[in-house]
Amino acid sequence: MQSSNRLNSSVIDTLYKLDQELSEMTGDSLYDYLEIYIRREPGFAYDCTPDDAVVFAHTGGDGDHFAFSTGEGSITNLDEAPILFIQPMMFDQEVKLVARNLQEFLSAYLSLGEIYILERFDRYSTREDMQKDIEEHFLSSIQDKKVKLEFITNVLKERLGITPMKDVFSYMMQLRGEPRIW
């Protein structure tokens, strides 16, 4: 069940501070770099949001949001909790596991450069399928934000030690084979 308490995550705390600093320095928010709004307090939930999930971010579109899966309360350090991508308008698969923890989630994003690629790994059988899909649907957008991606990559490396994931495809294929956690 969604807790009304502040999220207990050092990574979220760092991202929240970074969001404030970026806003003050550049007028941009973290959303302008990561395509998600980070929440300091647990966020909204939809009927499809697992009861034990703690929402920490949203995309701003169609109710899509990200949450920590707490394993029915067995995970108390949210920095170690698996990350779910919840999309209420994807009626056949509203909830998808997209990372083992928040650091790996950010690492995968830095490699991909586009948040919505994370939802598409069920469509890929091969690395070539992924590359073709990215080229057809996301490459232009990724290229348009190249400078911002480089900037946020450097900031996340400096602040949290997070770097782009070397092999997102293999990582996501391994995740697909793991037992359902929600």
N, C-alpha and C. Protein backbone atom coordinates (compact mmCIF):
# COMPACT_ATOMS: atom_id res chain seq x y z
N MET A 1 0.85 -1.18 0.00
CA MET A 1 0.00 0.00 0.00
C MET A 1 0.88 1.24 0.00
N GLN A 2 0.49 2.25 -0.73
CA GLN A 2 1.25 3.50 -0.81
C GLN A 2 1.38 4.10 0.59
N SER A 3 2.58 4.41 0.95
CA SER A 3 2.84 5.05 2.23
C SER A 3 2.71 6.56 2.07
N SER A 4 2.23 7.23 3.09
CA SER A 4 2.16 8.69 3.02
C SER A 4 3.47 9.32 3.50
N ASN A 5 4.39 8.50 3.97
CA ASN A 5 5.67 9.01 4.44
C ASN A 5 6.58 9.35 3.28
N ARG A 6 7.57 10.18 3.57
CA ARG A 6 8.58 10.55 2.58
C ARG A 6 9.30 9.29 2.12
N LEU A 7 9.68 9.26 0.85
CA LEU A 7 10.41 8.12 0.31
C LEU A 7 11.76 7.98 0.98
N ASN A 8 12.15 6.75 1.32
CA ASN A 8 13.43 6.48 1.95
C ASN A 8 14.39 5.96 0.88
N SER A 9 15.00 6.90 0.16
CA SER A 9 15.93 6.53 -0.90
C SER A 9 16.97 7.62 -1.05
N SER A 10 18.24 7.27 -0.86
CA SER A 10 19.30 8.26 -1.01
C SER A 10 19.41 8.71 -2.47
N VAL A 11 19.11 7.83 -3.41
CA VAL A 11 19.17 8.20 -4.82
C VAL A 11 18.06 9.20 -5.14
N ILE A 12 16.85 8.96 -4.65
CA ILE A 12 15.75 9.92 -4.85
C ILE A 12 16.11 11.26 -4.23
N ASP A 13 16.68 11.24 -3.02
CA ASP A 13 17.08 12.50 -2.38
C ASP A 13 18.07 13.26 -3.26
N THR A 14 19.05 12.56 -3.81
CA THR A 14 20.04 13.20 -4.68
C THR A 14 19.39 13.74 -5.94
N LEU A 15 18.49 12.98 -6.54
CA LEU A 15 17.80 13.43 -7.75
C LEU A 15 16.92 14.64 -7.47
N TYR A 16 16.27 14.63 -6.33
CA TYR A 16 15.41 15.75 -5.96
C TYR A 16 16.25 17.02 -5.78
N LYS A 17 17.38 16.91 -5.10
CA LYS A 17 18.28 18.07 -4.93
C LYS A 17 18.80 18.53 -6.28
N LEU A 18 19.16 17.60 -7.12
CA LEU A 18 19.64 17.94 -8.46
C LEU A 18 18.56 18.67 -9.25
N ASP A 19 17.32 18.22 -9.14
CA ASP A 19 16.21 18.86 -9.82
C ASP A 19 16.12 20.33 -9.40
N GLN A 20 16.23 20.59 -8.10
CA GLN A 20 16.16 21.95 -7.59
C GLN A 20 17.34 22.78 -8.10
N GLU A 21 18.54 22.22 -8.08
CA GLU A 21 19.73 22.93 -8.55
C GLU A 21 19.62 23.26 -10.04
N LEU A 22 19.19 22.30 -10.83
CA LEU A 22 19.05 22.55 -12.27
C LEU A 22 18.05 23.66 -12.54
N SER A 23 16.96 23.63 -11.81
CA SER A 23 15.93 24.65 -11.98
C SER A 23 16.48 26.04 -11.67
N GLU A 24 17.25 26.13 -10.60
CA GLU A 24 17.83 27.42 -10.21
C GLU A 24 18.91 27.88 -11.18
N MET A 25 19.75 26.95 -11.65
CA MET A 25 20.88 27.30 -12.52
C MET A 25 20.48 27.52 -13.97
N THR A 26 19.61 26.67 -14.49
CA THR A 26 19.35 26.68 -15.93
C THR A 26 17.90 26.94 -16.30
N GLY A 27 17.00 26.83 -15.34
CA GLY A 27 15.58 26.95 -15.65
C GLY A 27 14.98 25.63 -16.13
N ASP A 28 15.83 24.63 -16.36
CA ASP A 28 15.37 23.29 -16.75
C ASP A 28 15.13 22.45 -15.50
N SER A 29 14.25 21.49 -15.61
CA SER A 29 14.05 20.54 -14.52
C SER A 29 14.71 19.22 -14.90
N LEU A 30 14.76 18.31 -13.98
CA LEU A 30 15.31 16.99 -14.26
C LEU A 30 14.51 16.30 -15.36
N TYR A 31 13.24 16.64 -15.46
CA TYR A 31 12.41 16.09 -16.54
C TYR A 31 13.02 16.39 -17.91
N ASP A 32 13.59 17.57 -18.07
CA ASP A 32 14.18 17.96 -19.35
C ASP A 32 15.38 17.09 -19.72
N TYR A 33 15.91 16.36 -18.76
CA TYR A 33 17.07 15.49 -19.01
C TYR A 33 16.72 14.01 -18.98
N LEU A 34 15.81 13.62 -18.07
CA LEU A 34 15.50 12.20 -17.87
C LEU A 34 14.10 11.80 -18.33
N GLU A 35 13.29 12.76 -18.71
CA GLU A 35 11.93 12.50 -19.19
C GLU A 35 10.98 11.97 -18.12
N ILE A 36 11.34 12.16 -16.87
CA ILE A 36 10.45 11.78 -15.77
C ILE A 36 10.48 12.88 -14.71
N TYR A 37 9.33 13.06 -14.07
CA TYR A 37 9.23 13.95 -12.93
C TYR A 37 9.48 13.13 -11.67
N ILE A 38 10.51 13.48 -10.94
CA ILE A 38 10.86 12.78 -9.71
C ILE A 38 10.02 13.35 -8.57
N ARG A 39 9.50 12.47 -7.73
CA ARG A 39 8.68 12.88 -6.60
C ARG A 39 9.43 12.63 -5.31
N ARG A 40 9.34 13.56 -4.39
CA ARG A 40 9.94 13.37 -3.07
C ARG A 40 8.97 12.62 -2.15
N GLU A 41 7.71 12.83 -2.37
CA GLU A 41 6.68 12.11 -1.61
C GLU A 41 6.12 11.02 -2.51
N PRO A 42 5.66 9.92 -1.96
CA PRO A 42 5.06 8.89 -2.81
C PRO A 42 3.94 9.50 -3.66
N GLY A 43 3.88 9.07 -4.89
CA GLY A 43 2.96 9.67 -5.84
C GLY A 43 1.65 8.92 -5.98
N PHE A 44 0.90 9.38 -6.94
CA PHE A 44 -0.41 8.82 -7.24
C PHE A 44 -0.29 7.36 -7.68
N ALA A 45 -1.36 6.66 -7.53
CA ALA A 45 -1.41 5.27 -7.99
C ALA A 45 -2.72 5.06 -8.73
N TYR A 46 -2.71 4.13 -9.65
CA TYR A 46 -3.90 3.75 -10.39
C TYR A 46 -4.33 2.36 -9.91
N ASP A 47 -5.49 1.92 -10.34
CA ASP A 47 -5.96 0.59 -9.96
C ASP A 47 -4.97 -0.49 -10.35
N CYS A 48 -4.24 -0.29 -11.44
CA CYS A 48 -3.27 -1.30 -11.90
C CYS A 48 -1.93 -1.22 -11.17
N THR A 49 -1.73 -0.19 -10.35
CA THR A 49 -0.49 -0.08 -9.58
C THR A 49 -0.52 -1.12 -8.47
N PRO A 50 0.49 -1.98 -8.40
CA PRO A 50 0.50 -2.99 -7.33
C PRO A 50 0.38 -2.34 -5.95
N ASP A 51 -0.32 -3.01 -5.06
CA ASP A 51 -0.57 -2.46 -3.72
C ASP A 51 0.71 -2.15 -2.96
N ASP A 52 1.77 -2.94 -3.17
CA ASP A 52 3.00 -2.73 -2.41
C ASP A 52 3.94 -1.74 -3.10
N ALA A 53 3.56 -1.22 -4.26
CA ALA A 53 4.44 -0.33 -5.01
C ALA A 53 4.46 1.07 -4.40
N VAL A 54 5.62 1.71 -4.46
CA VAL A 54 5.80 3.08 -4.00
C VAL A 54 6.19 3.91 -5.22
N VAL A 55 5.26 4.73 -5.67
CA VAL A 55 5.47 5.53 -6.87
C VAL A 55 6.49 6.63 -6.58
N PHE A 56 7.50 6.75 -7.45
CA PHE A 56 8.53 7.78 -7.26
C PHE A 56 8.68 8.72 -8.45
N ALA A 57 8.04 8.43 -9.56
CA ALA A 57 8.19 9.30 -10.73
C ALA A 57 7.04 9.07 -11.70
N HIS A 58 6.82 10.05 -12.56
CA HIS A 58 5.83 9.89 -13.62
C HIS A 58 6.33 10.61 -14.87
N THR A 59 5.78 10.21 -16.00
CA THR A 59 6.22 10.77 -17.28
C THR A 59 5.43 12.00 -17.67
N GLY A 60 4.27 12.17 -17.10
CA GLY A 60 3.41 13.29 -17.47
C GLY A 60 2.43 12.95 -18.58
N GLY A 61 2.42 11.69 -19.01
CA GLY A 61 1.51 11.30 -20.09
C GLY A 61 0.79 10.00 -19.81
N ASP A 62 -0.51 9.96 -20.05
CA ASP A 62 -1.34 8.76 -19.96
C ASP A 62 -1.28 8.05 -18.60
N GLY A 63 -0.88 8.75 -17.56
CA GLY A 63 -0.79 8.14 -16.24
C GLY A 63 0.43 7.26 -16.05
N ASP A 64 1.34 7.23 -17.02
CA ASP A 64 2.53 6.38 -16.92
C ASP A 64 3.38 6.82 -15.74
N HIS A 65 3.78 5.84 -14.94
CA HIS A 65 4.58 6.15 -13.76
C HIS A 65 5.52 5.00 -13.43
N PHE A 66 6.48 5.31 -12.58
CA PHE A 66 7.48 4.35 -12.13
C PHE A 66 7.36 4.18 -10.63
N ALA A 67 7.58 2.95 -10.18
CA ALA A 67 7.43 2.67 -8.76
C ALA A 67 8.47 1.65 -8.31
N PHE A 68 8.79 1.74 -7.04
CA PHE A 68 9.59 0.71 -6.39
C PHE A 68 8.65 -0.43 -6.04
N SER A 69 9.06 -1.66 -6.28
CA SER A 69 8.30 -2.81 -5.81
C SER A 69 8.91 -3.23 -4.49
N THR A 70 8.11 -3.21 -3.43
CA THR A 70 8.65 -3.48 -2.09
C THR A 70 8.56 -4.93 -1.67
N GLY A 71 8.16 -5.81 -2.58
CA GLY A 71 8.05 -7.22 -2.21
C GLY A 71 7.11 -7.42 -1.05
N GLU A 72 5.94 -6.79 -1.16
CA GLU A 72 4.92 -6.83 -0.09
C GLU A 72 5.47 -6.36 1.24
N GLY A 73 6.34 -5.35 1.17
CA GLY A 73 6.89 -4.74 2.38
C GLY A 73 8.19 -5.35 2.86
N SER A 74 8.68 -6.39 2.19
CA SER A 74 9.91 -7.03 2.64
C SER A 74 11.17 -6.23 2.29
N ILE A 75 11.06 -5.29 1.35
CA ILE A 75 12.19 -4.44 0.98
C ILE A 75 11.94 -3.07 1.58
N THR A 76 12.78 -2.66 2.51
CA THR A 76 12.60 -1.37 3.16
C THR A 76 13.56 -0.32 2.65
N ASN A 77 14.72 -0.73 2.12
CA ASN A 77 15.65 0.21 1.51
C ASN A 77 15.28 0.32 0.04
N LEU A 78 14.61 1.40 -0.32
CA LEU A 78 14.11 1.54 -1.67
C LEU A 78 15.22 1.62 -2.72
N ASP A 79 16.43 1.95 -2.31
CA ASP A 79 17.55 1.95 -3.26
C ASP A 79 17.85 0.54 -3.76
N GLU A 80 17.34 -0.47 -3.06
CA GLU A 80 17.54 -1.87 -3.46
C GLU A 80 16.29 -2.49 -4.09
N ALA A 81 15.22 -1.72 -4.18
CA ALA A 81 13.95 -2.26 -4.67
C ALA A 81 13.89 -2.29 -6.20
N PRO A 82 13.30 -3.33 -6.77
CA PRO A 82 13.09 -3.39 -8.21
C PRO A 82 12.19 -2.25 -8.70
N ILE A 83 12.40 -1.87 -9.96
CA ILE A 83 11.66 -0.75 -10.54
C ILE A 83 10.62 -1.26 -11.52
N LEU A 84 9.38 -0.79 -11.35
CA LEU A 84 8.27 -1.14 -12.22
C LEU A 84 7.90 0.07 -13.07
N PHE A 85 7.59 -0.18 -14.33
CA PHE A 85 7.04 0.84 -15.23
C PHE A 85 5.57 0.50 -15.36
N ILE A 86 4.71 1.40 -14.89
CA ILE A 86 3.28 1.16 -14.86
C ILE A 86 2.61 2.09 -15.87
N GLN A 87 1.90 1.47 -16.82
CA GLN A 87 1.25 2.21 -17.89
C GLN A 87 -0.23 1.83 -17.93
N PRO A 88 -1.08 2.62 -17.28
CA PRO A 88 -2.50 2.28 -17.18
C PRO A 88 -3.20 2.08 -18.53
N MET A 89 -2.71 2.70 -19.58
CA MET A 89 -3.37 2.59 -20.88
C MET A 89 -2.89 1.38 -21.69
N MET A 90 -1.95 0.62 -21.18
CA MET A 90 -1.48 -0.61 -21.83
C MET A 90 -2.25 -1.77 -21.22
N PHE A 91 -3.49 -1.91 -21.61
CA PHE A 91 -4.42 -2.80 -20.93
C PHE A 91 -3.98 -4.25 -20.84
N ASP A 92 -3.18 -4.72 -21.77
CA ASP A 92 -2.76 -6.12 -21.72
C ASP A 92 -1.53 -6.33 -20.83
N GLN A 93 -0.75 -5.29 -20.61
CA GLN A 93 0.45 -5.40 -19.78
C GLN A 93 0.74 -4.07 -19.11
N GLU A 94 -0.05 -3.73 -18.12
CA GLU A 94 0.10 -2.43 -17.47
C GLU A 94 1.38 -2.30 -16.66
N VAL A 95 1.88 -3.41 -16.13
CA VAL A 95 3.03 -3.36 -15.22
C VAL A 95 4.17 -4.19 -15.80
N LYS A 96 5.34 -3.53 -15.90
CA LYS A 96 6.53 -4.22 -16.41
C LYS A 96 7.71 -3.96 -15.49
N LEU A 97 8.47 -4.98 -15.23
CA LEU A 97 9.73 -4.85 -14.51
C LEU A 97 10.75 -4.27 -15.48
N VAL A 98 11.41 -3.15 -15.10
CA VAL A 98 12.37 -2.53 -16.01
C VAL A 98 13.78 -2.42 -15.43
N ALA A 99 13.95 -2.71 -14.13
CA ALA A 99 15.30 -2.68 -13.55
C ALA A 99 15.28 -3.34 -12.18
N ARG A 100 16.43 -3.82 -11.78
CA ARG A 100 16.56 -4.45 -10.46
C ARG A 100 16.61 -3.43 -9.33
N ASN A 101 17.00 -2.19 -9.67
CA ASN A 101 17.05 -1.12 -8.68
C ASN A 101 17.14 0.22 -9.41
N LEU A 102 17.06 1.30 -8.67
CA LEU A 102 17.02 2.63 -9.27
C LEU A 102 18.32 2.98 -9.99
N GLN A 103 19.45 2.58 -9.44
CA GLN A 103 20.73 2.88 -10.10
C GLN A 103 20.79 2.20 -11.47
N GLU A 104 20.36 0.95 -11.55
CA GLU A 104 20.38 0.24 -12.83
C GLU A 104 19.34 0.82 -13.80
N PHE A 105 18.23 1.29 -13.28
CA PHE A 105 17.23 1.97 -14.10
C PHE A 105 17.84 3.20 -14.77
N LEU A 106 18.52 4.02 -13.98
CA LEU A 106 19.15 5.22 -14.53
C LEU A 106 20.27 4.87 -15.50
N SER A 107 21.02 3.84 -15.19
CA SER A 107 22.10 3.39 -16.07
C SER A 107 21.55 2.93 -17.42
N ALA A 108 20.45 2.19 -17.39
CA ALA A 108 19.81 1.74 -18.64
C ALA A 108 19.30 2.94 -19.43
N TYR A 109 18.69 3.89 -18.75
CA TYR A 109 18.20 5.09 -19.44
C TYR A 109 19.36 5.82 -20.12
N LEU A 110 20.47 5.99 -19.42
CA LEU A 110 21.61 6.70 -20.00
C LEU A 110 22.10 6.01 -21.26
N SER A 111 22.03 4.69 -21.30
CA SER A 111 22.45 3.94 -22.49
C SER A 111 21.46 4.11 -23.63
N LEU A 112 20.18 4.10 -23.30
CA LEU A 112 19.14 4.15 -24.33
C LEU A 112 18.84 5.57 -24.81
N GLY A 113 18.80 6.51 -23.87
CA GLY A 113 18.52 7.89 -24.22
C GLY A 113 17.05 8.20 -24.42
N GLU A 114 16.20 7.24 -24.14
CA GLU A 114 14.76 7.43 -24.33
C GLU A 114 14.03 6.51 -23.35
N ILE A 115 13.17 7.09 -22.52
CA ILE A 115 12.49 6.34 -21.46
C ILE A 115 11.54 5.28 -22.01
N TYR A 116 10.88 5.54 -23.13
CA TYR A 116 9.87 4.61 -23.62
C TYR A 116 10.44 3.38 -24.32
N ILE A 117 11.72 3.33 -24.55
CA ILE A 117 12.32 2.10 -25.07
C ILE A 117 12.19 1.00 -24.01
N LEU A 118 12.21 1.38 -22.74
CA LEU A 118 12.13 0.40 -21.65
C LEU A 118 10.85 -0.43 -21.72
N GLU A 119 9.78 0.12 -22.24
CA GLU A 119 8.52 -0.62 -22.32
C GLU A 119 8.50 -1.61 -23.47
N ARG A 120 9.43 -1.53 -24.39
CA ARG A 120 9.34 -2.25 -25.65
C ARG A 120 10.16 -3.55 -25.69
N PHE A 121 10.83 -3.91 -24.63
CA PHE A 121 11.71 -5.08 -24.69
C PHE A 121 10.96 -6.39 -24.90
N ASP A 122 9.68 -6.43 -24.61
CA ASP A 122 8.89 -7.63 -24.90
C ASP A 122 8.74 -7.85 -26.41
N ARG A 123 8.97 -6.81 -27.17
CA ARG A 123 8.85 -6.90 -28.63
C ARG A 123 10.12 -7.39 -29.31
N TYR A 124 11.22 -7.40 -28.58
CA TYR A 124 12.51 -7.71 -29.19
C TYR A 124 12.91 -9.16 -28.94
N SER A 125 13.24 -9.84 -30.01
CA SER A 125 13.80 -11.19 -29.89
C SER A 125 15.31 -11.15 -30.02
N THR A 126 15.81 -10.15 -30.74
CA THR A 126 17.24 -10.03 -30.98
C THR A 126 17.69 -8.59 -30.76
N ARG A 127 18.98 -8.44 -30.61
CA ARG A 127 19.58 -7.11 -30.50
C ARG A 127 19.27 -6.28 -31.76
N GLU A 128 19.23 -6.96 -32.90
CA GLU A 128 18.93 -6.29 -34.16
C GLU A 128 17.50 -5.75 -34.17
N ASP A 129 16.55 -6.50 -33.59
CA ASP A 129 15.17 -6.01 -33.46
C ASP A 129 15.15 -4.69 -32.68
N MET A 130 15.91 -4.67 -31.59
CA MET A 130 15.97 -3.48 -30.76
C MET A 130 16.57 -2.32 -31.55
N GLN A 131 17.69 -2.54 -32.20
CA GLN A 131 18.36 -1.49 -32.96
C GLN A 131 17.44 -0.93 -34.06
N LYS A 132 16.76 -1.82 -34.75
CA LYS A 132 15.86 -1.39 -35.83
C LYS A 132 14.72 -0.54 -35.26
N ASP A 133 14.14 -0.97 -34.16
CA ASP A 133 13.05 -0.22 -33.53
C ASP A 133 13.53 1.16 -33.08
N ILE A 134 14.69 1.21 -32.47
CA ILE A 134 15.24 2.49 -32.02
C ILE A 134 15.48 3.41 -33.21
N GLU A 135 16.05 2.88 -34.27
CA GLU A 135 16.31 3.70 -35.45
C GLU A 135 15.01 4.22 -36.07
N GLU A 136 13.99 3.37 -36.11
CA GLU A 136 12.72 3.76 -36.73
C GLU A 136 11.88 4.72 -35.87
N HIS A 137 11.94 4.56 -34.55
CA HIS A 137 11.01 5.30 -33.70
C HIS A 137 11.64 6.32 -32.75
N PHE A 138 12.91 6.18 -32.44
CA PHE A 138 13.47 7.01 -31.37
C PHE A 138 14.75 7.75 -31.73
N LEU A 139 15.43 7.37 -32.78
CA LEU A 139 16.76 7.92 -33.06
C LEU A 139 16.75 9.43 -33.20
N SER A 140 15.79 9.98 -33.90
CA SER A 140 15.73 11.42 -34.09
C SER A 140 15.61 12.15 -32.75
N SER A 141 14.73 11.65 -31.89
CA SER A 141 14.54 12.25 -30.57
C SER A 141 15.81 12.16 -29.72
N ILE A 142 16.47 11.01 -29.78
CA ILE A 142 17.71 10.82 -29.02
C ILE A 142 18.78 11.78 -29.52
N GLN A 143 18.90 11.92 -30.82
CA GLN A 143 19.89 12.83 -31.39
C GLN A 143 19.59 14.28 -31.03
N ASP A 144 18.31 14.63 -30.99
CA ASP A 144 17.92 16.00 -30.64
C ASP A 144 18.33 16.37 -29.21
N LYS A 145 18.40 15.40 -28.34
CA LYS A 145 18.75 15.71 -26.94
C LYS A 145 20.15 15.23 -26.57
N LYS A 146 20.99 15.05 -27.55
CA LYS A 146 22.35 14.54 -27.32
C LYS A 146 23.13 15.37 -26.29
N VAL A 147 23.08 16.68 -26.40
CA VAL A 147 23.82 17.54 -25.47
C VAL A 147 23.30 17.37 -24.05
N LYS A 148 21.97 17.32 -23.90
CA LYS A 148 21.40 17.13 -22.57
C LYS A 148 21.73 15.75 -22.01
N LEU A 149 21.74 14.73 -22.86
CA LEU A 149 22.10 13.38 -22.41
C LEU A 149 23.55 13.33 -21.94
N GLU A 150 24.44 13.99 -22.65
CA GLU A 150 25.84 14.03 -22.24
C GLU A 150 25.98 14.75 -20.91
N PHE A 151 25.26 15.85 -20.75
CA PHE A 151 25.32 16.61 -19.51
C PHE A 151 24.83 15.76 -18.33
N ILE A 152 23.64 15.17 -18.46
CA ILE A 152 23.09 14.41 -17.33
C ILE A 152 23.90 13.15 -17.06
N THR A 153 24.51 12.58 -18.08
CA THR A 153 25.39 11.43 -17.88
C THR A 153 26.57 11.83 -16.99
N ASN A 154 27.17 12.96 -17.28
CA ASN A 154 28.30 13.44 -16.47
C ASN A 154 27.87 13.76 -15.04
N VAL A 155 26.71 14.37 -14.89
CA VAL A 155 26.22 14.73 -13.55
C VAL A 155 25.92 13.47 -12.74
N LEU A 156 25.24 12.49 -13.33
CA LEU A 156 24.91 11.27 -12.59
C LEU A 156 26.16 10.46 -12.25
N LYS A 157 27.15 10.51 -13.11
CA LYS A 157 28.42 9.83 -12.80
C LYS A 157 29.09 10.51 -11.61
N GLU A 158 29.12 11.83 -11.62
CA GLU A 158 29.77 12.59 -10.55
C GLU A 158 29.02 12.44 -9.23
N ARG A 159 27.70 12.55 -9.26
CA ARG A 159 26.90 12.56 -8.02
C ARG A 159 26.61 11.18 -7.46
N LEU A 160 26.38 10.20 -8.35
CA LEU A 160 25.92 8.90 -7.89
C LEU A 160 26.77 7.73 -8.38
N GLY A 161 27.79 8.02 -9.18
CA GLY A 161 28.63 6.94 -9.72
C GLY A 161 27.92 6.11 -10.78
N ILE A 162 26.87 6.66 -11.37
CA ILE A 162 26.08 5.93 -12.37
C ILE A 162 26.60 6.25 -13.76
N THR A 163 26.86 5.21 -14.52
CA THR A 163 27.33 5.36 -15.90
C THR A 163 26.39 4.59 -16.83
N PRO A 164 26.45 4.87 -18.12
CA PRO A 164 25.59 4.13 -19.06
C PRO A 164 25.87 2.63 -18.99
N MET A 165 24.81 1.85 -19.05
CA MET A 165 24.91 0.39 -19.02
C MET A 165 25.57 -0.08 -20.31
N LYS A 166 26.50 -1.00 -20.18
CA LYS A 166 27.23 -1.48 -21.35
C LYS A 166 26.38 -2.33 -22.29
N ASP A 167 25.49 -3.15 -21.76
CA ASP A 167 24.71 -4.05 -22.60
C ASP A 167 23.27 -4.12 -22.10
N VAL A 168 22.50 -3.11 -22.44
CA VAL A 168 21.10 -3.02 -21.98
C VAL A 168 20.28 -4.19 -22.51
N PHE A 169 20.52 -4.61 -23.74
CA PHE A 169 19.74 -5.69 -24.32
C PHE A 169 19.86 -6.96 -23.48
N SER A 170 21.08 -7.38 -23.16
CA SER A 170 21.28 -8.59 -22.35
C SER A 170 20.67 -8.43 -20.96
N TYR A 171 20.85 -7.27 -20.37
CA TYR A 171 20.29 -6.99 -19.06
C TYR A 171 18.77 -7.15 -19.07
N MET A 172 18.11 -6.55 -20.06
CA MET A 172 16.65 -6.61 -20.13
C MET A 172 16.16 -8.03 -20.45
N MET A 173 16.90 -8.77 -21.25
CA MET A 173 16.51 -10.16 -21.54
C MET A 173 16.61 -11.00 -20.27
N GLN A 174 17.62 -10.75 -19.44
CA GLN A 174 17.73 -11.47 -18.16
C GLN A 174 16.56 -11.10 -17.25
N LEU A 175 16.20 -9.83 -17.21
CA LEU A 175 15.06 -9.39 -16.40
C LEU A 175 13.77 -10.09 -16.81
N ARG A 176 13.58 -10.23 -18.12
CA ARG A 176 12.36 -10.89 -18.62
C ARG A 176 12.24 -12.30 -18.09
N GLY A 177 13.36 -12.94 -17.83
CA GLY A 177 13.34 -14.32 -17.36
C GLY A 177 13.20 -14.47 -15.85
N GLU A 178 13.24 -13.36 -15.14
CA GLU A 178 13.14 -13.43 -13.68
C GLU A 178 11.69 -13.56 -13.25
N PRO A 179 11.46 -14.17 -12.08
CA PRO A 179 10.09 -14.37 -11.61
C PRO A 179 9.38 -13.03 -11.39
N ARG A 180 8.09 -13.07 -11.62
CA ARG A 180 7.27 -11.88 -11.41
C ARG A 180 7.30 -11.51 -9.94
N ILE A 181 7.46 -10.20 -9.65
CA ILE A 181 7.62 -9.75 -8.27
C ILE A 181 6.44 -8.94 -7.76
N TRP A 182 5.41 -8.79 -8.53
CA TRP A 182 4.27 -7.98 -8.06
C TRP A 182 2.99 -8.74 -8.17
